[in-house]
Amino acid sequence: MKRMTQGICAAAALLSLTAFSATAYADGRDWDDGPVINVAAIRTVDGHFDDYMHWLRTVYKKTQEAAKKAGLITSYRVIVVEPRGPNDPDIYLVTEFKNWAALDHLGSRADKVSAEVEGSVDAANKSEADRAKIRTVLGSRTEQEALLK
């Protein structure tokens, strides 16, 4: 009888472990949703690379740090690349968000951060217009990292 009880307990334990591992992968995916990343491609106007880098070091950095502190973003990076042709970017601005929901109503929340850093939304808009003289935004893409299980 003792052997039968041990056998039943062992079978029940094995069944439980099998069911648990199946539950862990019940969604059938080999990956989980990771952070959402926005990458903006920037091309500086000839002779103005250092001017744009100065703006990034000052206003951009202050704004991104304030956005991190406010919980709007999780991180940011500036990546300098060698353009392959005249229409390729020489800088990528990478901004990471916790998830897609972090983008909901981001505009109004980002306006508050811009106003805090630059004094007002109007001042931030003027700053944006002034930057158009030293750089061109070639486009951006938003993507999500896949975290492999």
N, C-alpha and C. Protein backbone atom coordinates (compact mmCIF):
# COMPACT_ATOMS: atom_id res chain seq x y z
N MET A 1 0.82 -1.19 0.00
CA MET A 1 0.00 0.00 0.00
C MET A 1 0.87 1.26 0.00
N LYS A 2 1.99 1.18 0.80
CA LYS A 2 2.89 2.32 0.88
C LYS A 2 3.50 2.62 -0.49
N ARG A 3 3.87 1.55 -1.20
CA ARG A 3 4.45 1.73 -2.53
C ARG A 3 3.44 2.36 -3.49
N MET A 4 2.22 1.95 -3.41
CA MET A 4 1.18 2.49 -4.28
C MET A 4 0.97 3.97 -3.99
N THR A 5 0.97 4.35 -2.72
CA THR A 5 0.80 5.75 -2.32
C THR A 5 1.98 6.58 -2.83
N GLN A 6 3.20 6.05 -2.70
CA GLN A 6 4.38 6.76 -3.20
C GLN A 6 4.29 6.92 -4.72
N GLY A 7 3.86 5.90 -5.39
CA GLY A 7 3.74 5.95 -6.85
C GLY A 7 2.71 6.99 -7.28
N ILE A 8 1.60 7.04 -6.57
CA ILE A 8 0.56 8.02 -6.88
C ILE A 8 1.06 9.43 -6.61
N CYS A 9 1.76 9.60 -5.49
CA CYS A 9 2.32 10.92 -5.16
C CYS A 9 3.35 11.36 -6.20
N ALA A 10 4.19 10.43 -6.63
CA ALA A 10 5.21 10.75 -7.64
C ALA A 10 4.54 11.12 -8.96
N ALA A 11 3.52 10.37 -9.33
CA ALA A 11 2.79 10.67 -10.57
C ALA A 11 2.10 12.02 -10.48
N ALA A 12 1.53 12.32 -9.33
CA ALA A 12 0.85 13.61 -9.13
C ALA A 12 1.86 14.75 -9.20
N ALA A 13 3.04 14.55 -8.60
CA ALA A 13 4.08 15.59 -8.64
C ALA A 13 4.53 15.82 -10.07
N LEU A 14 4.75 14.74 -10.82
CA LEU A 14 5.17 14.87 -12.22
C LEU A 14 4.11 15.57 -13.04
N LEU A 15 2.87 15.22 -12.83
CA LEU A 15 1.76 15.85 -13.53
C LEU A 15 1.69 17.34 -13.21
N SER A 16 1.88 17.68 -11.93
CA SER A 16 1.86 19.09 -11.51
C SER A 16 2.97 19.88 -12.19
N LEU A 17 4.18 19.33 -12.21
CA LEU A 17 5.31 20.01 -12.86
C LEU A 17 5.06 20.20 -14.34
N THR A 18 4.53 19.17 -14.99
CA THR A 18 4.23 19.25 -16.41
C THR A 18 3.17 20.32 -16.67
N ALA A 19 2.14 20.35 -15.85
CA ALA A 19 1.07 21.35 -16.02
C ALA A 19 1.61 22.75 -15.79
N PHE A 20 2.50 22.91 -14.79
CA PHE A 20 3.07 24.22 -14.50
C PHE A 20 3.91 24.73 -15.67
N SER A 21 4.74 23.87 -16.23
CA SER A 21 5.58 24.31 -17.34
C SER A 21 4.74 24.63 -18.57
N ALA A 22 3.66 23.89 -18.75
CA ALA A 22 2.76 24.19 -19.87
C ALA A 22 2.08 25.53 -19.66
N THR A 23 1.74 25.84 -18.40
CA THR A 23 1.11 27.12 -18.10
C THR A 23 2.07 28.27 -18.38
N ALA A 24 3.35 28.08 -18.08
CA ALA A 24 4.35 29.14 -18.30
C ALA A 24 4.44 29.51 -19.78
N TYR A 25 4.22 28.55 -20.66
CA TYR A 25 4.28 28.82 -22.10
C TYR A 25 2.90 28.69 -22.75
N ALA A 26 1.87 28.88 -21.97
CA ALA A 26 0.51 28.70 -22.48
C ALA A 26 0.17 29.65 -23.61
N ASP A 27 0.83 30.82 -23.64
CA ASP A 27 0.53 31.75 -24.71
C ASP A 27 1.15 31.31 -26.03
N GLY A 28 1.99 30.27 -26.00
CA GLY A 28 2.56 29.73 -27.22
C GLY A 28 3.67 30.57 -27.82
N ARG A 29 4.09 31.59 -27.11
CA ARG A 29 5.14 32.48 -27.64
C ARG A 29 6.47 32.17 -26.98
N ASP A 30 7.51 32.35 -27.72
CA ASP A 30 8.86 32.18 -27.19
C ASP A 30 9.46 33.51 -26.77
N TRP A 31 8.62 34.52 -26.64
CA TRP A 31 9.12 35.86 -26.29
C TRP A 31 8.06 36.63 -25.54
N ASP A 32 8.51 37.64 -24.82
CA ASP A 32 7.62 38.57 -24.12
C ASP A 32 7.80 39.96 -24.71
N ASP A 33 6.79 40.79 -24.53
CA ASP A 33 6.88 42.18 -24.99
C ASP A 33 7.93 42.91 -24.16
N GLY A 34 8.85 43.56 -24.84
CA GLY A 34 9.87 44.36 -24.18
C GLY A 34 9.52 45.83 -24.29
N PRO A 35 10.49 46.69 -24.05
CA PRO A 35 10.25 48.13 -24.12
C PRO A 35 9.97 48.58 -25.56
N VAL A 36 9.31 49.71 -25.66
CA VAL A 36 9.03 50.33 -26.96
C VAL A 36 10.11 51.38 -27.20
N ILE A 37 10.63 51.40 -28.41
CA ILE A 37 11.76 52.26 -28.74
C ILE A 37 11.42 53.11 -29.95
N ASN A 38 11.67 54.41 -29.83
CA ASN A 38 11.51 55.32 -30.97
C ASN A 38 12.90 55.74 -31.42
N VAL A 39 13.14 55.65 -32.73
CA VAL A 39 14.42 56.04 -33.31
C VAL A 39 14.17 57.12 -34.34
N ALA A 40 14.73 58.31 -34.11
CA ALA A 40 14.60 59.43 -35.05
C ALA A 40 15.92 59.56 -35.81
N ALA A 41 15.82 59.64 -37.13
CA ALA A 41 16.99 59.78 -38.00
C ALA A 41 17.19 61.26 -38.30
N ILE A 42 18.38 61.78 -37.96
CA ILE A 42 18.69 63.20 -38.11
C ILE A 42 19.87 63.37 -39.06
N ARG A 43 19.79 64.35 -39.92
CA ARG A 43 20.92 64.72 -40.77
C ARG A 43 21.24 66.18 -40.49
N THR A 44 22.45 66.43 -40.02
CA THR A 44 22.84 67.82 -39.75
C THR A 44 23.24 68.49 -41.05
N VAL A 45 23.01 69.79 -41.09
CA VAL A 45 23.41 70.59 -42.25
C VAL A 45 24.93 70.70 -42.23
N ASP A 46 25.55 70.61 -43.40
CA ASP A 46 27.01 70.71 -43.48
C ASP A 46 27.51 71.91 -42.69
N GLY A 47 28.52 71.66 -41.86
CA GLY A 47 29.12 72.72 -41.06
C GLY A 47 28.42 73.00 -39.74
N HIS A 48 27.32 72.29 -39.46
CA HIS A 48 26.55 72.55 -38.23
C HIS A 48 26.45 71.34 -37.30
N PHE A 49 27.26 70.32 -37.55
CA PHE A 49 27.24 69.14 -36.69
C PHE A 49 27.51 69.52 -35.23
N ASP A 50 28.57 70.30 -35.01
CA ASP A 50 28.92 70.69 -33.63
C ASP A 50 27.84 71.57 -33.00
N ASP A 51 27.19 72.41 -33.80
CA ASP A 51 26.10 73.24 -33.28
C ASP A 51 24.95 72.36 -32.78
N TYR A 52 24.63 71.34 -33.57
CA TYR A 52 23.54 70.45 -33.18
C TYR A 52 23.92 69.61 -31.97
N MET A 53 25.17 69.14 -31.92
CA MET A 53 25.63 68.38 -30.77
C MET A 53 25.59 69.25 -29.50
N HIS A 54 25.88 70.54 -29.64
CA HIS A 54 25.79 71.44 -28.49
C HIS A 54 24.33 71.53 -28.01
N TRP A 55 23.40 71.65 -28.93
CA TRP A 55 21.98 71.69 -28.54
C TRP A 55 21.59 70.38 -27.85
N LEU A 56 22.08 69.25 -28.37
CA LEU A 56 21.77 67.96 -27.74
C LEU A 56 22.32 67.92 -26.32
N ARG A 57 23.53 68.43 -26.12
CA ARG A 57 24.16 68.39 -24.81
C ARG A 57 23.46 69.31 -23.81
N THR A 58 22.83 70.35 -24.29
CA THR A 58 22.20 71.32 -23.40
C THR A 58 20.70 71.07 -23.29
N VAL A 59 19.93 71.62 -24.17
CA VAL A 59 18.46 71.58 -24.07
C VAL A 59 17.91 70.16 -24.19
N TYR A 60 18.37 69.41 -25.17
CA TYR A 60 17.86 68.05 -25.38
C TYR A 60 18.11 67.19 -24.14
N LYS A 61 19.34 67.22 -23.63
CA LYS A 61 19.68 66.41 -22.47
C LYS A 61 18.83 66.81 -21.25
N LYS A 62 18.66 68.11 -21.03
CA LYS A 62 17.83 68.57 -19.91
C LYS A 62 16.39 68.08 -20.06
N THR A 63 15.89 68.15 -21.28
CA THR A 63 14.51 67.72 -21.54
C THR A 63 14.36 66.22 -21.33
N GLN A 64 15.30 65.44 -21.83
CA GLN A 64 15.21 63.99 -21.68
C GLN A 64 15.36 63.58 -20.21
N GLU A 65 16.25 64.23 -19.49
CA GLU A 65 16.40 63.92 -18.07
C GLU A 65 15.13 64.26 -17.30
N ALA A 66 14.50 65.39 -17.64
CA ALA A 66 13.23 65.76 -17.00
C ALA A 66 12.13 64.76 -17.36
N ALA A 67 12.13 64.27 -18.60
CA ALA A 67 11.15 63.26 -19.02
C ALA A 67 11.37 61.95 -18.26
N LYS A 68 12.61 61.58 -18.04
CA LYS A 68 12.91 60.38 -17.24
C LYS A 68 12.41 60.56 -15.81
N LYS A 69 12.70 61.72 -15.24
CA LYS A 69 12.29 62.01 -13.86
C LYS A 69 10.77 61.98 -13.73
N ALA A 70 10.07 62.46 -14.77
CA ALA A 70 8.61 62.48 -14.77
C ALA A 70 8.01 61.11 -15.10
N GLY A 71 8.85 60.14 -15.44
CA GLY A 71 8.37 58.80 -15.75
C GLY A 71 7.83 58.64 -17.17
N LEU A 72 8.11 59.60 -18.05
CA LEU A 72 7.62 59.51 -19.43
C LEU A 72 8.45 58.55 -20.26
N ILE A 73 9.76 58.51 -20.00
CA ILE A 73 10.66 57.63 -20.74
C ILE A 73 11.52 56.85 -19.75
N THR A 74 12.10 55.77 -20.23
CA THR A 74 12.99 55.00 -19.37
C THR A 74 14.46 55.29 -19.67
N SER A 75 14.78 55.64 -20.92
CA SER A 75 16.16 55.97 -21.26
C SER A 75 16.19 56.69 -22.61
N TYR A 76 17.37 57.22 -22.93
CA TYR A 76 17.58 57.85 -24.24
C TYR A 76 19.05 57.71 -24.60
N ARG A 77 19.33 57.74 -25.89
CA ARG A 77 20.70 57.64 -26.39
C ARG A 77 20.84 58.49 -27.64
N VAL A 78 22.05 58.98 -27.85
CA VAL A 78 22.40 59.69 -29.08
C VAL A 78 23.46 58.84 -29.76
N ILE A 79 23.20 58.43 -30.98
CA ILE A 79 24.12 57.57 -31.71
C ILE A 79 24.58 58.31 -32.96
N VAL A 80 25.88 58.47 -33.09
CA VAL A 80 26.47 59.14 -34.25
C VAL A 80 26.90 58.06 -35.24
N VAL A 81 26.51 58.24 -36.50
CA VAL A 81 26.83 57.25 -37.54
C VAL A 81 27.47 57.95 -38.73
N GLU A 82 28.15 57.15 -39.51
CA GLU A 82 28.73 57.67 -40.75
C GLU A 82 27.68 57.51 -41.85
N PRO A 83 27.23 58.64 -42.41
CA PRO A 83 26.24 58.53 -43.49
C PRO A 83 26.86 57.89 -44.73
N ARG A 84 26.09 57.06 -45.40
CA ARG A 84 26.57 56.40 -46.62
C ARG A 84 26.33 57.26 -47.85
N GLY A 85 25.42 58.20 -47.74
CA GLY A 85 25.10 59.07 -48.87
C GLY A 85 24.54 60.38 -48.37
N PRO A 86 24.23 61.31 -49.27
CA PRO A 86 23.77 62.65 -48.87
C PRO A 86 22.39 62.67 -48.21
N ASN A 87 21.62 61.61 -48.36
CA ASN A 87 20.28 61.57 -47.77
C ASN A 87 20.19 60.64 -46.56
N ASP A 88 21.34 60.22 -46.04
CA ASP A 88 21.37 59.34 -44.88
C ASP A 88 21.59 60.15 -43.60
N PRO A 89 21.10 59.65 -42.48
CA PRO A 89 21.30 60.36 -41.20
C PRO A 89 22.76 60.28 -40.75
N ASP A 90 23.16 61.26 -39.94
CA ASP A 90 24.46 61.18 -39.28
C ASP A 90 24.28 61.06 -37.76
N ILE A 91 23.03 61.15 -37.30
CA ILE A 91 22.71 60.98 -35.88
C ILE A 91 21.38 60.25 -35.77
N TYR A 92 21.32 59.33 -34.82
CA TYR A 92 20.06 58.70 -34.43
C TYR A 92 19.77 59.10 -32.99
N LEU A 93 18.55 59.54 -32.74
CA LEU A 93 18.10 59.83 -31.38
C LEU A 93 17.18 58.67 -30.97
N VAL A 94 17.57 57.96 -29.94
CA VAL A 94 16.86 56.76 -29.51
C VAL A 94 16.21 57.04 -28.16
N THR A 95 14.90 56.86 -28.09
CA THR A 95 14.16 57.08 -26.85
C THR A 95 13.41 55.80 -26.51
N GLU A 96 13.55 55.36 -25.27
CA GLU A 96 12.92 54.11 -24.84
C GLU A 96 11.78 54.40 -23.86
N PHE A 97 10.67 53.71 -24.11
CA PHE A 97 9.47 53.81 -23.27
C PHE A 97 9.21 52.44 -22.64
N LYS A 98 8.54 52.43 -21.51
CA LYS A 98 8.27 51.18 -20.81
C LYS A 98 7.45 50.22 -21.68
N ASN A 99 6.41 50.76 -22.34
CA ASN A 99 5.52 49.94 -23.16
C ASN A 99 4.71 50.87 -24.07
N TRP A 100 3.82 50.29 -24.87
CA TRP A 100 3.00 51.11 -25.79
C TRP A 100 2.09 52.07 -25.03
N ALA A 101 1.60 51.66 -23.88
CA ALA A 101 0.70 52.51 -23.08
C ALA A 101 1.39 53.80 -22.66
N ALA A 102 2.70 53.78 -22.54
CA ALA A 102 3.44 54.99 -22.16
C ALA A 102 3.31 56.10 -23.21
N LEU A 103 2.90 55.73 -24.42
CA LEU A 103 2.72 56.72 -25.49
C LEU A 103 1.34 57.39 -25.46
N ASP A 104 0.41 56.83 -24.68
CA ASP A 104 -0.93 57.42 -24.58
C ASP A 104 -0.85 58.82 -23.98
N HIS A 105 -1.42 59.78 -24.66
CA HIS A 105 -1.45 61.18 -24.21
C HIS A 105 -0.05 61.73 -23.94
N LEU A 106 0.92 61.23 -24.66
CA LEU A 106 2.30 61.66 -24.45
C LEU A 106 2.51 63.13 -24.80
N GLY A 107 1.81 63.61 -25.81
CA GLY A 107 1.99 65.00 -26.25
C GLY A 107 1.75 66.02 -25.15
N SER A 108 0.64 65.90 -24.46
CA SER A 108 0.34 66.88 -23.40
C SER A 108 1.30 66.75 -22.23
N ARG A 109 1.70 65.51 -21.92
CA ARG A 109 2.65 65.31 -20.82
C ARG A 109 4.04 65.81 -21.21
N ALA A 110 4.41 65.62 -22.47
CA ALA A 110 5.71 66.11 -22.95
C ALA A 110 5.73 67.63 -23.02
N ASP A 111 4.59 68.25 -23.33
CA ASP A 111 4.51 69.72 -23.35
C ASP A 111 4.84 70.30 -21.97
N LYS A 112 4.37 69.64 -20.92
CA LYS A 112 4.66 70.11 -19.56
C LYS A 112 6.16 70.07 -19.29
N VAL A 113 6.81 69.00 -19.74
CA VAL A 113 8.26 68.88 -19.55
C VAL A 113 8.98 69.95 -20.37
N SER A 114 8.56 70.16 -21.62
CA SER A 114 9.19 71.18 -22.47
C SER A 114 9.04 72.57 -21.86
N ALA A 115 7.86 72.86 -21.34
CA ALA A 115 7.62 74.16 -20.71
C ALA A 115 8.50 74.32 -19.47
N GLU A 116 8.67 73.25 -18.73
CA GLU A 116 9.52 73.28 -17.54
C GLU A 116 10.98 73.58 -17.92
N VAL A 117 11.45 72.96 -18.98
CA VAL A 117 12.86 73.12 -19.38
C VAL A 117 13.10 74.42 -20.14
N GLU A 118 12.19 74.74 -21.07
CA GLU A 118 12.44 75.89 -21.96
C GLU A 118 11.63 77.14 -21.61
N GLY A 119 10.82 77.07 -20.57
CA GLY A 119 10.08 78.25 -20.13
C GLY A 119 8.63 78.27 -20.54
N SER A 120 8.33 77.77 -21.72
CA SER A 120 6.95 77.70 -22.21
C SER A 120 6.90 76.79 -23.43
N VAL A 121 5.70 76.39 -23.78
CA VAL A 121 5.53 75.58 -24.99
C VAL A 121 5.88 76.42 -26.21
N ASP A 122 5.52 77.71 -26.21
CA ASP A 122 5.86 78.59 -27.34
C ASP A 122 7.37 78.69 -27.53
N ALA A 123 8.11 78.81 -26.43
CA ALA A 123 9.57 78.87 -26.51
C ALA A 123 10.13 77.56 -27.06
N ALA A 124 9.56 76.44 -26.64
CA ALA A 124 10.00 75.14 -27.15
C ALA A 124 9.71 75.02 -28.64
N ASN A 125 8.56 75.52 -29.08
CA ASN A 125 8.22 75.49 -30.51
C ASN A 125 9.17 76.36 -31.32
N LYS A 126 9.52 77.53 -30.80
CA LYS A 126 10.47 78.41 -31.49
C LYS A 126 11.84 77.74 -31.58
N SER A 127 12.25 77.09 -30.50
CA SER A 127 13.52 76.36 -30.49
C SER A 127 13.52 75.27 -31.56
N GLU A 128 12.40 74.58 -31.69
CA GLU A 128 12.28 73.54 -32.73
C GLU A 128 12.42 74.15 -34.12
N ALA A 129 11.77 75.27 -34.35
CA ALA A 129 11.85 75.93 -35.66
C ALA A 129 13.29 76.39 -35.94
N ASP A 130 13.96 76.89 -34.92
CA ASP A 130 15.35 77.33 -35.08
C ASP A 130 16.28 76.16 -35.42
N ARG A 131 16.03 75.00 -34.87
CA ARG A 131 16.86 73.82 -35.15
C ARG A 131 16.75 73.38 -36.60
N ALA A 132 15.66 73.73 -37.24
CA ALA A 132 15.49 73.35 -38.65
C ALA A 132 16.57 73.98 -39.53
N LYS A 133 17.22 75.02 -39.03
CA LYS A 133 18.30 75.67 -39.79
C LYS A 133 19.60 74.85 -39.74
N ILE A 134 19.73 73.95 -38.76
CA ILE A 134 20.98 73.22 -38.61
C ILE A 134 20.82 71.70 -38.76
N ARG A 135 19.59 71.22 -38.90
CA ARG A 135 19.37 69.79 -39.07
C ARG A 135 18.05 69.51 -39.77
N THR A 136 17.97 68.31 -40.32
CA THR A 136 16.74 67.84 -40.96
C THR A 136 16.36 66.51 -40.32
N VAL A 137 15.10 66.39 -39.95
CA VAL A 137 14.60 65.11 -39.45
C VAL A 137 14.20 64.29 -40.68
N LEU A 138 14.90 63.19 -40.90
CA LEU A 138 14.63 62.36 -42.07
C LEU A 138 13.46 61.41 -41.85
N GLY A 139 13.10 61.21 -40.61
CA GLY A 139 11.99 60.31 -40.29
C GLY A 139 12.24 59.64 -38.96
N SER A 140 11.29 58.83 -38.56
CA SER A 140 11.46 58.07 -37.33
C SER A 140 10.68 56.77 -37.44
N ARG A 141 11.00 55.87 -36.55
CA ARG A 141 10.25 54.62 -36.48
C ARG A 141 10.09 54.26 -35.01
N THR A 142 8.99 53.58 -34.71
CA THR A 142 8.74 53.12 -33.36
C THR A 142 8.61 51.61 -33.44
N GLU A 143 9.30 50.95 -32.53
CA GLU A 143 9.38 49.48 -32.58
C GLU A 143 9.35 48.95 -31.15
N GLN A 144 9.20 47.64 -31.03
CA GLN A 144 9.19 47.03 -29.71
C GLN A 144 10.20 45.90 -29.67
N GLU A 145 10.96 45.88 -28.60
CA GLU A 145 11.93 44.81 -28.41
C GLU A 145 11.20 43.54 -28.02
N ALA A 146 11.66 42.41 -28.56
CA ALA A 146 11.13 41.10 -28.19
C ALA A 146 12.11 40.48 -27.21
N LEU A 147 11.65 40.21 -26.01
CA LEU A 147 12.49 39.60 -24.98
C LEU A 147 12.32 38.08 -25.06
N LEU A 148 13.33 37.39 -25.52
CA LEU A 148 13.25 35.94 -25.71
C LEU A 148 13.18 35.25 -24.34
N LYS A 149 12.32 34.25 -24.27
CA LYS A 149 12.15 33.51 -23.00
C LYS A 149 13.30 32.53 -22.84
